[in-house]
Structure formats: C-alpha cells, structure tokens
Amino acid sequence: MKPARDVPRDFLDRLERSPKPILCLDYDGTLAPFTKDRNSAHPWEGVPETLTRIQAGVTEMVVVTGRDAADIPRFLKLDRPFEIIGCHGAQVMQKDGKIITTELPACAEEGLERAFSRAVKNVPAERLERKSAGLALHWRGMNPEEAERLKQSIAVEWAIIAEESGLEVRPFDGGLELRVPGIDKGAAVARRLKNLSTDNAAAYLGDDETDEDAFRVMKGKGLSVLVRPEPGPTLASVWLRPPEELLGFLAVWARLTQQKE
C-alpha cells in the first residue's frame, strides 16, 4: 500500500484532464474523527472549506456513508448541494434534498424490527442505531471488557435472526451491524460509476471494513484510498493519515479540478 506521497502521477495527470471527475467520500473516520457520541461527529478542521473549493470546480462529489443520509448536511454544512448515499446504499439523497429509499423484503423488515425490539430491552438506547436497512450496535468509548460483554449479549441472537430473516451480521470500527445482504458501499459505488466516462478520473476514500467493498469495486476503475492513522490490511492502493495528509490530498484535488477556461 502506498503512502500519500506516492499517489500515482498518472492518476493526478488524468484527474487534471478530466472534464467531470467523481470523488466518493466516506464520512465517519474519513472526513471526521470518530467520537463517543455519534451525534457530535463534526468534520476535521479545514474539511468543509476544502470540499467547498472542490465543489467550485468540475468535480461530482458524493458522500457514501453507513449513516442515515439526512445526518450529513448538518455536519458538513456546505453551501452547495451534493449527493449523499446513506445506509450503505439503501438511501440516496439527491441534490434537491429528496431521499429515495430501497424497499426491503418483508422478512428482512420483520427481522430488523424483531432484533431492535429485543435489543432495546437490554442495551442502552444510545448504543443502538435503527436505520432504514439495518440495525447498528455501537460500543465506541466503552472499556474493552464492557464492549466485549455488550457484543456477546447481542451477537448470538443477531446471528440467529439473520439466518431466519435473510440478513447478515457485519462488523465495523466500533460496532456490529445487522443488515440486508447486497446493500453495501461496493454495490452503491458500482451503480454510481456505471456510466462514468473513460475520460474521467474517480476516487473513493474510506477508513474501515465497510469501505473494503467499495475499494474492491474501484480496482481497475479509479483510485482507492485508506484514511487511517495507521495502515492495515486493505484493498486500497494508497494510504492517507488524517487530518494532514487527507487535507493535502483534497487540496491537490481542488487545485487540479478547477473550472477550465
């Protein structure tokens, strides 16, 4: 995996020539540091300003997140509208603010509701996040022993519900999620890049296991970038340390993709 200084020169050259490049960005852990309170996940200092510069150019910018799509505008607070793919691809918030949500199979809906109604009896409400196509358990900020007990109290039951309801259990950085198979960031990014012209550069930036699906899709189509303080096993081709190297990369993107005269 290459560090930030080794972003391929041919990619940067292609980016500079692109009439309409696309930049896909995860939010938590990528544009914003992780926080104990997921409702206070404000972006790294300098990120909104740099994204504003990117939006002023020719780039099509898309945020791809496991969160509900409606969470993102209140954190980034950008003046220009942008597309948001939420709940790992189950939602799309268009630039006009309209949210399109994928309809789930009845058995999946029932399984998610059953898992939530059972979990909420034994898990603090602030540790559960009910989504349109999933249910997340968060243990960030807990000591390791408490986190392991919380995980074990839920994991076995969710595995049973998943098997009965056609769902799957997936880990993420700081938690566990019960979700619908096939609805993931990889599938969402594949749809978004389907009609990408060969003249245009594309990149995806993410930080954890849920972003690996998107990194896999980016192979042969564009640049995949892992954003983490330390490198780790990944399908990404480049590694950026946040926030300095992340901001540096975004600043270069903004400079190379300004409106062409």
C-alpha atoms as a PDB file:
ATOM      1  CA  MET A   1       0.000   0.000   0.000  1.00  0.00           C
ATOM      2  CA  LYS A   2       1.396   3.387  -0.992  1.00  0.00           C
ATOM      3  CA  PRO A   3       1.525   6.336   1.430  1.00  0.00           C
ATOM      4  CA  ALA A   4       0.047   9.690   0.441  1.00  0.00           C
ATOM      5  CA  ARG A   5       3.217  10.983  -1.165  1.00  0.00           C
ATOM      6  CA  ASP A   6       3.027   8.072  -3.623  1.00  0.00           C
ATOM      7  CA  VAL A   7      -0.334   8.879  -5.198  1.00  0.00           C
ATOM      8  CA  PRO A   8       0.370   7.751  -8.776  1.00  0.00           C
ATOM      9  CA  ARG A   9       1.436  10.585 -11.050  1.00  0.00           C
ATOM     10  CA  ASP A  10      -0.601   9.163 -13.902  1.00  0.00           C
ATOM     11  CA  PHE A  11      -3.740   9.388 -11.758  1.00  0.00           C
ATOM     12  CA  LEU A  12      -3.069  13.053 -10.982  1.00  0.00           C
ATOM     13  CA  ASP A  13      -2.442  13.750 -14.668  1.00  0.00           C
ATOM     14  CA  ARG A  14      -5.718  12.042 -15.571  1.00  0.00           C
ATOM     15  CA  LEU A  15      -7.506  13.970 -12.833  1.00  0.00           C
ATOM     16  CA  GLU A  16      -6.246  17.286 -14.201  1.00  0.00           C
ATOM     17  CA  ARG A  17      -7.524  16.380 -17.684  1.00  0.00           C
ATOM     18  CA  SER A  18     -10.917  15.108 -16.509  1.00  0.00           C
ATOM     19  CA  PRO A  19     -13.950  17.124 -17.633  1.00  0.00           C
ATOM     20  CA  LYS A  20     -16.115  15.645 -14.821  1.00  0.00           C
ATOM     21  CA  PRO A  21     -14.193  13.579 -12.243  1.00  0.00           C
ATOM     22  CA  ILE A  22     -16.045  11.892  -9.401  1.00  0.00           C
ATOM     23  CA  LEU A  23     -14.929  11.916  -5.765  1.00  0.00           C
ATOM     24  CA  CYS A  24     -16.636   9.472  -3.381  1.00  0.00           C
ATOM     25  CA  LEU A  25     -16.052  10.030   0.330  1.00  0.00           C
ATOM     26  CA  ASP A  26     -16.979   8.069   3.439  1.00  0.00           C
ATOM     27  CA  TYR A  27     -17.820  10.291   6.420  1.00  0.00           C
ATOM     28  CA  ASP A  28     -17.083   8.844   9.893  1.00  0.00           C
ATOM     29  CA  GLY A  29     -13.384   8.111  10.285  1.00  0.00           C
ATOM     30  CA  THR A  30     -12.620   9.665   6.902  1.00  0.00           C
ATOM     31  CA  LEU A  31     -13.915  13.242   6.812  1.00  0.00           C
ATOM     32  CA  ALA A  32     -14.495  13.297  10.568  1.00  0.00           C
ATOM     33  CA  PRO A  33     -12.741  11.750  13.568  1.00  0.00           C
ATOM     34  CA  PHE A  34     -14.587   9.070  15.479  1.00  0.00           C
ATOM     35  CA  THR A  35     -16.383  10.297  18.597  1.00  0.00           C
ATOM     36  CA  LYS A  36     -18.062   8.595  21.541  1.00  0.00           C
ATOM     37  CA  ASP A  37     -21.245  10.486  20.662  1.00  0.00           C
ATOM     38  CA  ARG A  38     -22.115   9.810  17.013  1.00  0.00           C
ATOM     39  CA  ASN A  39     -24.366  12.895  17.071  1.00  0.00           C
ATOM     40  CA  SER A  40     -21.298  15.098  17.619  1.00  0.00           C
ATOM     41  CA  ALA A  41     -19.178  13.774  14.749  1.00  0.00           C
ATOM     42  CA  HIS A  42     -18.012  17.084  13.342  1.00  0.00           C
ATOM     43  CA  PRO A  43     -15.538  17.059  10.421  1.00  0.00           C
ATOM     44  CA  TRP A  44     -11.819  17.627  10.728  1.00  0.00           C
ATOM     45  CA  GLU A  45     -10.955  21.314  10.812  1.00  0.00           C
ATOM     46  CA  GLY A  46     -10.450  22.517   7.243  1.00  0.00           C
ATOM     47  CA  VAL A  47     -12.509  19.768   5.590  1.00  0.00           C
ATOM     48  CA  PRO A  48     -15.656  21.826   4.833  1.00  0.00           C
ATOM     49  CA  GLU A  49     -13.592  24.674   3.378  1.00  0.00           C
ATOM     50  CA  THR A  50     -11.589  22.314   1.158  1.00  0.00           C
ATOM     51  CA  LEU A  51     -14.696  20.468  -0.015  1.00  0.00           C
ATOM     52  CA  THR A  52     -16.228  23.846  -0.866  1.00  0.00           C
ATOM     53  CA  ARG A  53     -13.235  24.529  -3.114  1.00  0.00           C
ATOM     54  CA  ILE A  54     -13.687  21.128  -4.749  1.00  0.00           C
ATOM     55  CA  GLN A  55     -17.374  21.824  -5.355  1.00  0.00           C
ATOM     56  CA  ALA A  56     -16.468  25.102  -7.054  1.00  0.00           C
ATOM     57  CA  GLY A  57     -14.657  23.120  -9.736  1.00  0.00           C
ATOM     58  CA  VAL A  58     -15.780  20.410 -12.139  1.00  0.00           C
ATOM     59  CA  THR A  59     -15.940  17.517  -9.648  1.00  0.00           C
ATOM     60  CA  GLU A  60     -19.043  15.474  -8.945  1.00  0.00           C
ATOM     61  CA  MET A  61     -18.784  14.875  -5.181  1.00  0.00           C
ATOM     62  CA  VAL A  62     -20.663  12.075  -3.429  1.00  0.00           C
ATOM     63  CA  VAL A  63     -20.632  11.177   0.270  1.00  0.00           C
ATOM     64  CA  VAL A  64     -21.111   7.439   0.847  1.00  0.00           C
ATOM     65  CA  THR A  65     -21.931   6.608   4.452  1.00  0.00           C
ATOM     66  CA  GLY A  66     -23.373   3.973   6.728  1.00  0.00           C
ATOM     67  CA  ARG A  67     -25.337   6.742   8.438  1.00  0.00           C
ATOM     68  CA  ASP A  68     -28.763   7.972   7.512  1.00  0.00           C
ATOM     69  CA  ALA A  69     -28.217  10.332   4.580  1.00  0.00           C
ATOM     70  CA  ALA A  70     -30.018  13.168   6.378  1.00  0.00           C
ATOM     71  CA  ASP A  71     -27.260  13.286   9.044  1.00  0.00           C
ATOM     72  CA  ILE A  72     -24.542  14.516   6.701  1.00  0.00           C
ATOM     73  CA  PRO A  73     -25.664  18.053   5.698  1.00  0.00           C
ATOM     74  CA  ARG A  74     -25.884  19.175   9.328  1.00  0.00           C
ATOM     75  CA  PHE A  75     -22.286  18.093   9.909  1.00  0.00           C
ATOM     76  CA  LEU A  76     -20.636  19.364   6.721  1.00  0.00           C
ATOM     77  CA  LYS A  77     -22.812  22.494   6.309  1.00  0.00           C
ATOM     78  CA  LEU A  78     -21.747  23.118   2.704  1.00  0.00           C
ATOM     79  CA  ASP A  79     -23.424  25.878   0.719  1.00  0.00           C
ATOM     80  CA  ARG A  80     -23.701  23.881  -2.499  1.00  0.00           C
ATOM     81  CA  PRO A  81     -25.880  20.744  -2.677  1.00  0.00           C
ATOM     82  CA  PHE A  82     -24.233  17.354  -3.192  1.00  0.00           C
ATOM     83  CA  GLU A  83     -25.364  13.757  -3.492  1.00  0.00           C
ATOM     84  CA  ILE A  84     -25.375  11.541  -0.396  1.00  0.00           C
ATOM     85  CA  ILE A  85     -25.630   7.753  -0.451  1.00  0.00           C
ATOM     86  CA  GLY A  86     -26.790   6.682   3.006  1.00  0.00           C
ATOM     87  CA  CYS A  87     -27.245   3.446   4.952  1.00  0.00           C
ATOM     88  CA  HIS A  88     -24.543   1.732   2.858  1.00  0.00           C
ATOM     89  CA  GLY A  89     -26.564   2.313  -0.310  1.00  0.00           C
ATOM     90  CA  ALA A  90     -30.152   1.829   0.870  1.00  0.00           C
ATOM     91  CA  GLN A  91     -30.741   5.577   0.561  1.00  0.00           C
ATOM     92  CA  VAL A  92     -29.869   8.237  -1.975  1.00  0.00           C
ATOM     93  CA  MET A  93     -30.321  11.888  -1.073  1.00  0.00           C
ATOM     94  CA  GLN A  94     -30.400  13.813  -4.318  1.00  0.00           C
ATOM     95  CA  LYS A  95     -29.092  17.340  -4.668  1.00  0.00           C
ATOM     96  CA  ASP A  96     -32.616  18.710  -4.295  1.00  0.00           C
ATOM     97  CA  GLY A  97     -32.862  17.054  -0.872  1.00  0.00           C
ATOM     98  CA  LYS A  98     -35.239  14.292  -1.932  1.00  0.00           C
ATOM     99  CA  ILE A  99     -34.395  10.926  -0.348  1.00  0.00           C
ATOM    100  CA  ILE A 100     -35.042   7.707  -2.280  1.00  0.00           C
ATOM    101  CA  THR A 101     -35.072   4.608  -0.059  1.00  0.00           C
ATOM    102  CA  THR A 102     -34.741   0.998  -1.191  1.00  0.00           C
ATOM    103  CA  GLU A 103     -37.741  -1.162  -0.331  1.00  0.00           C
ATOM    104  CA  LEU A 104     -36.696  -4.156   1.746  1.00  0.00           C
ATOM    105  CA  PRO A 105     -38.108  -7.709   1.623  1.00  0.00           C
ATOM    106  CA  ALA A 106     -40.834  -8.223   4.215  1.00  0.00           C
ATOM    107  CA  CYS A 107     -38.806 -10.910   6.004  1.00  0.00           C
ATOM    108  CA  ALA A 108     -35.856  -8.530   6.356  1.00  0.00           C
ATOM    109  CA  GLU A 109     -38.080  -5.744   7.722  1.00  0.00           C
ATOM    110  CA  GLU A 110     -39.576  -8.169  10.237  1.00  0.00           C
ATOM    111  CA  GLY A 111     -36.153  -9.440  11.279  1.00  0.00           C
ATOM    112  CA  LEU A 112     -34.770  -5.948  11.848  1.00  0.00           C
ATOM    113  CA  GLU A 113     -37.809  -4.933  13.888  1.00  0.00           C
ATOM    114  CA  ARG A 114     -37.597  -8.104  15.969  1.00  0.00           C
ATOM    115  CA  ALA A 115     -33.878  -7.581  16.603  1.00  0.00           C
ATOM    116  CA  PHE A 116     -34.455  -3.974  17.631  1.00  0.00           C
ATOM    117  CA  SER A 117     -37.387  -4.686  19.952  1.00  0.00           C
ATOM    118  CA  ARG A 118     -35.354  -7.366  21.734  1.00  0.00           C
ATOM    119  CA  ALA A 119     -32.090  -5.422  21.878  1.00  0.00           C
ATOM    120  CA  VAL A 120     -33.632  -2.244  23.243  1.00  0.00           C
ATOM    121  CA  LYS A 121     -34.727  -4.158  26.375  1.00  0.00           C
ATOM    122  CA  ASN A 122     -31.119  -4.998  27.275  1.00  0.00           C
ATOM    123  CA  VAL A 123     -28.943  -2.370  25.578  1.00  0.00           C
ATOM    124  CA  PRO A 124     -28.783   1.368  26.373  1.00  0.00           C
ATOM    125  CA  ALA A 125     -30.791   3.215  23.721  1.00  0.00           C
ATOM    126  CA  GLU A 126     -27.848   5.437  22.788  1.00  0.00           C
ATOM    127  CA  ARG A 127     -25.909   2.301  21.798  1.00  0.00           C
ATOM    128  CA  LEU A 128     -28.463   1.289  19.158  1.00  0.00           C
ATOM    129  CA  GLU A 129     -28.964   2.941  15.776  1.00  0.00           C
ATOM    130  CA  ARG A 130     -32.028   1.919  13.781  1.00  0.00           C
ATOM    131  CA  LYS A 131     -31.546   2.542  10.070  1.00  0.00           C
ATOM    132  CA  SER A 132     -33.765   2.124   7.030  1.00  0.00           C
ATOM    133  CA  ALA A 133     -31.916  -1.052   6.041  1.00  0.00           C
ATOM    134  CA  GLY A 134     -30.076  -2.101   9.173  1.00  0.00           C
ATOM    135  CA  LEU A 135     -29.575  -2.006  12.905  1.00  0.00           C
ATOM    136  CA  ALA A 136     -26.240  -0.995  14.397  1.00  0.00           C
ATOM    137  CA  LEU A 137     -24.807  -1.655  17.844  1.00  0.00           C
ATOM    138  CA  HIS A 138     -22.159   0.882  18.904  1.00  0.00           C
ATOM    139  CA  TRP A 139     -19.600   0.292  21.659  1.00  0.00           C
ATOM    140  CA  ARG A 140     -17.128   3.078  20.909  1.00  0.00           C
ATOM    141  CA  GLY A 141     -15.831   4.704  24.100  1.00  0.00           C
ATOM    142  CA  MET A 142     -16.536   1.699  26.323  1.00  0.00           C
ATOM    143  CA  ASN A 143     -13.724  -0.140  28.040  1.00  0.00           C
ATOM    144  CA  PRO A 144     -12.765  -3.387  26.246  1.00  0.00           C
ATOM    145  CA  GLU A 145     -14.368  -5.673  28.827  1.00  0.00           C
ATOM    146  CA  GLU A 146     -17.704  -3.851  28.734  1.00  0.00           C
ATOM    147  CA  ALA A 147     -17.612  -3.722  24.933  1.00  0.00           C
ATOM    148  CA  GLU A 148     -16.981  -7.464  24.694  1.00  0.00           C
ATOM    149  CA  ARG A 149     -19.848  -8.225  27.083  1.00  0.00           C
ATOM    150  CA  LEU A 150     -22.170  -6.000  25.052  1.00  0.00           C
ATOM    151  CA  LYS A 151     -21.070  -7.633  21.819  1.00  0.00           C
ATOM    152  CA  GLN A 152     -21.568 -11.154  23.148  1.00  0.00           C
ATOM    153  CA  SER A 153     -25.007 -10.287  24.544  1.00  0.00           C
ATOM    154  CA  ILE A 154     -26.208  -9.375  21.055  1.00  0.00           C
ATOM    155  CA  ALA A 155     -24.061 -11.243  18.515  1.00  0.00           C
ATOM    156  CA  VAL A 156     -25.514 -14.735  19.005  1.00  0.00           C
ATOM    157  CA  GLU A 157     -29.131 -13.568  18.884  1.00  0.00           C
ATOM    158  CA  TRP A 158     -28.489 -11.415  15.812  1.00  0.00           C
ATOM    159  CA  ALA A 159     -26.819 -14.363  14.068  1.00  0.00           C
ATOM    160  CA  ILE A 160     -29.952 -16.445  14.632  1.00  0.00           C
ATOM    161  CA  ILE A 161     -32.250 -13.661  13.416  1.00  0.00           C
ATOM    162  CA  ALA A 162     -30.000 -13.103  10.401  1.00  0.00           C
ATOM    163  CA  GLU A 163     -30.285 -16.754   9.375  1.00  0.00           C
ATOM    164  CA  GLU A 164     -34.052 -16.744   9.805  1.00  0.00           C
ATOM    165  CA  SER A 165     -34.650 -13.417   8.029  1.00  0.00           C
ATOM    166  CA  GLY A 166     -32.128 -13.426   5.189  1.00  0.00           C
ATOM    167  CA  LEU A 167     -29.945 -10.780   6.867  1.00  0.00           C
ATOM    168  CA  GLU A 168     -26.234 -10.700   7.662  1.00  0.00           C
ATOM    169  CA  VAL A 169     -24.133  -9.530  10.606  1.00  0.00           C
ATOM    170  CA  ARG A 170     -21.168  -7.329   9.673  1.00  0.00           C
ATOM    171  CA  PRO A 171     -18.560  -5.757  11.965  1.00  0.00           C
ATOM    172  CA  PHE A 172     -17.453  -2.142  11.626  1.00  0.00           C
ATOM    173  CA  ASP A 173     -14.950   0.018  13.500  1.00  0.00           C
ATOM    174  CA  GLY A 174     -16.593   0.366  16.920  1.00  0.00           C
ATOM    175  CA  GLY A 175     -19.607  -1.842  16.485  1.00  0.00           C
ATOM    176  CA  LEU A 176     -21.685  -4.526  14.822  1.00  0.00           C
ATOM    177  CA  GLU A 177     -24.466  -4.195  12.268  1.00  0.00           C
ATOM    178  CA  LEU A 178     -27.389  -6.378  11.239  1.00  0.00           C
ATOM    179  CA  ARG A 179     -28.161  -5.552   7.610  1.00  0.00           C
ATOM    180  CA  VAL A 180     -29.517  -6.692   4.276  1.00  0.00           C
ATOM    181  CA  PRO A 181     -27.012  -8.579   2.065  1.00  0.00           C
ATOM    182  CA  GLY A 182     -26.222  -6.904  -1.235  1.00  0.00           C
ATOM    183  CA  ILE A 183     -26.826  -3.424   0.130  1.00  0.00           C
ATOM    184  CA  ASP A 184     -23.292  -2.214   0.682  1.00  0.00           C
ATOM    185  CA  LYS A 185     -20.943   0.566  -0.304  1.00  0.00           C
ATOM    186  CA  GLY A 186     -19.441  -1.524  -3.081  1.00  0.00           C
ATOM    187  CA  ALA A 187     -22.782  -2.028  -4.816  1.00  0.00           C
ATOM    188  CA  ALA A 188     -23.627   1.653  -4.292  1.00  0.00           C
ATOM    189  CA  VAL A 189     -20.342   2.854  -5.793  1.00  0.00           C
ATOM    190  CA  ALA A 190     -20.637   0.395  -8.705  1.00  0.00           C
ATOM    191  CA  ARG A 191     -24.018   1.894  -9.580  1.00  0.00           C
ATOM    192  CA  ARG A 192     -22.643   5.413  -9.265  1.00  0.00           C
ATOM    193  CA  LEU A 193     -19.684   4.658 -11.562  1.00  0.00           C
ATOM    194  CA  LYS A 194     -21.684   2.635 -14.088  1.00  0.00           C
ATOM    195  CA  ASN A 195     -21.866   5.425 -16.652  1.00  0.00           C
ATOM    196  CA  LEU A 196     -18.533   7.049 -15.822  1.00  0.00           C
ATOM    197  CA  SER A 197     -16.785   8.183 -18.973  1.00  0.00           C
ATOM    198  CA  THR A 198     -13.300   6.826 -19.585  1.00  0.00           C
ATOM    199  CA  ASP A 199     -12.212  10.479 -19.800  1.00  0.00           C
ATOM    200  CA  ASN A 200     -12.929  10.990 -16.113  1.00  0.00           C
ATOM    201  CA  ALA A 201     -10.921  10.073 -13.037  1.00  0.00           C
ATOM    202  CA  ALA A 202     -12.613   8.570  -9.973  1.00  0.00           C
ATOM    203  CA  ALA A 203     -11.555   8.035  -6.371  1.00  0.00           C
ATOM    204  CA  TYR A 204     -13.040   6.555  -3.226  1.00  0.00           C
ATOM    205  CA  LEU A 205     -11.803   7.456   0.263  1.00  0.00           C
ATOM    206  CA  GLY A 206     -12.754   5.346   3.289  1.00  0.00           C
ATOM    207  CA  ASP A 207     -11.404   4.043   6.560  1.00  0.00           C
ATOM    208  CA  ASP A 208     -12.834   0.721   7.744  1.00  0.00           C
ATOM    209  CA  GLU A 209     -14.204  -2.735   6.921  1.00  0.00           C
ATOM    210  CA  THR A 210     -17.407  -1.404   5.381  1.00  0.00           C
ATOM    211  CA  ASP A 211     -15.327   0.555   2.846  1.00  0.00           C
ATOM    212  CA  GLU A 212     -13.487  -2.529   1.633  1.00  0.00           C
ATOM    213  CA  ASP A 213     -16.496  -3.403  -0.551  1.00  0.00           C
ATOM    214  CA  ALA A 214     -16.038  -0.062  -2.330  1.00  0.00           C
ATOM    215  CA  PHE A 215     -12.261  -0.498  -2.584  1.00  0.00           C
ATOM    216  CA  ARG A 216     -12.881  -3.820  -4.332  1.00  0.00           C
ATOM    217  CA  VAL A 217     -15.163  -2.130  -6.867  1.00  0.00           C
ATOM    218  CA  MET A 218     -12.626   0.634  -7.525  1.00  0.00           C
ATOM    219  CA  LYS A 219      -9.991  -1.824  -8.728  1.00  0.00           C
ATOM    220  CA  GLY A 220      -9.317  -1.004 -12.359  1.00  0.00           C
ATOM    221  CA  LYS A 221     -11.731   1.939 -12.279  1.00  0.00           C
ATOM    222  CA  GLY A 222     -10.024   4.516 -10.122  1.00  0.00           C
ATOM    223  CA  LEU A 223      -8.036   5.325  -7.005  1.00  0.00           C
ATOM    224  CA  SER A 224      -8.895   3.676  -3.678  1.00  0.00           C
ATOM    225  CA  VAL A 225      -7.603   5.455  -0.571  1.00  0.00           C
ATOM    226  CA  LEU A 226      -7.451   4.210   3.024  1.00  0.00           C
ATOM    227  CA  VAL A 227      -7.741   7.089   5.525  1.00  0.00           C
ATOM    228  CA  ARG A 228      -6.441   5.962   8.937  1.00  0.00           C
ATOM    229  CA  PRO A 229      -3.765   6.985  11.438  1.00  0.00           C
ATOM    230  CA  GLU A 230      -2.026   3.636  10.850  1.00  0.00           C
ATOM    231  CA  PRO A 231      -2.076   1.310   7.831  1.00  0.00           C
ATOM    232  CA  GLY A 232      -3.714  -2.090   7.993  1.00  0.00           C
ATOM    233  CA  PRO A 233      -4.861  -4.962   5.779  1.00  0.00           C
ATOM    234  CA  THR A 234      -6.844  -3.390   2.945  1.00  0.00           C
ATOM    235  CA  LEU A 235      -7.683  -3.498  -0.741  1.00  0.00           C
ATOM    236  CA  ALA A 236      -6.940   0.233  -1.028  1.00  0.00           C
ATOM    237  CA  SER A 237      -3.954   1.261  -3.114  1.00  0.00           C
ATOM    238  CA  VAL A 238      -2.992   4.449  -1.222  1.00  0.00           C
ATOM    239  CA  TRP A 239      -2.869   5.308   2.493  1.00  0.00           C
ATOM    240  CA  LEU A 240      -3.512   8.772   3.946  1.00  0.00           C
ATOM    241  CA  ARG A 241      -3.071   9.841   7.560  1.00  0.00           C
ATOM    242  CA  PRO A 242      -5.830  12.165   8.749  1.00  0.00           C
ATOM    243  CA  PRO A 243      -6.148  15.018   9.001  1.00  0.00           C
ATOM    244  CA  GLU A 244      -2.978  16.486   7.440  1.00  0.00           C
ATOM    245  CA  GLU A 245      -2.466  14.082   4.547  1.00  0.00           C
ATOM    246  CA  LEU A 246      -6.206  13.877   3.925  1.00  0.00           C
ATOM    247  CA  LEU A 247      -6.426  17.675   3.676  1.00  0.00           C
ATOM    248  CA  GLY A 248      -3.348  17.738   1.472  1.00  0.00           C
ATOM    249  CA  PHE A 249      -4.871  15.251  -0.951  1.00  0.00           C
ATOM    250  CA  LEU A 250      -8.182  17.118  -1.061  1.00  0.00           C
ATOM    251  CA  ALA A 251      -6.357  20.419  -1.624  1.00  0.00           C
ATOM    252  CA  VAL A 252      -4.478  18.925  -4.582  1.00  0.00           C
ATOM    253  CA  TRP A 253      -7.770  17.590  -5.944  1.00  0.00           C
ATOM    254  CA  ALA A 254      -9.332  21.057  -5.625  1.00  0.00           C
ATOM    255  CA  ARG A 255      -6.396  22.702  -7.399  1.00  0.00           C
ATOM    256  CA  LEU A 256      -6.327  20.233 -10.303  1.00  0.00           C
ATOM    257  CA  THR A 257     -10.063  20.292 -10.924  1.00  0.00           C
ATOM    258  CA  GLN A 258     -10.910  23.971 -11.031  1.00  0.00           C
ATOM    259  CA  GLN A 259     -13.209  25.173 -13.809  1.00  0.00           C
ATOM    260  CA  LYS A 260     -11.389  25.043 -17.115  1.00  0.00           C
ATOM    261  CA  GLU A 261     -11.289  28.331 -19.037  1.00  0.00           C
END
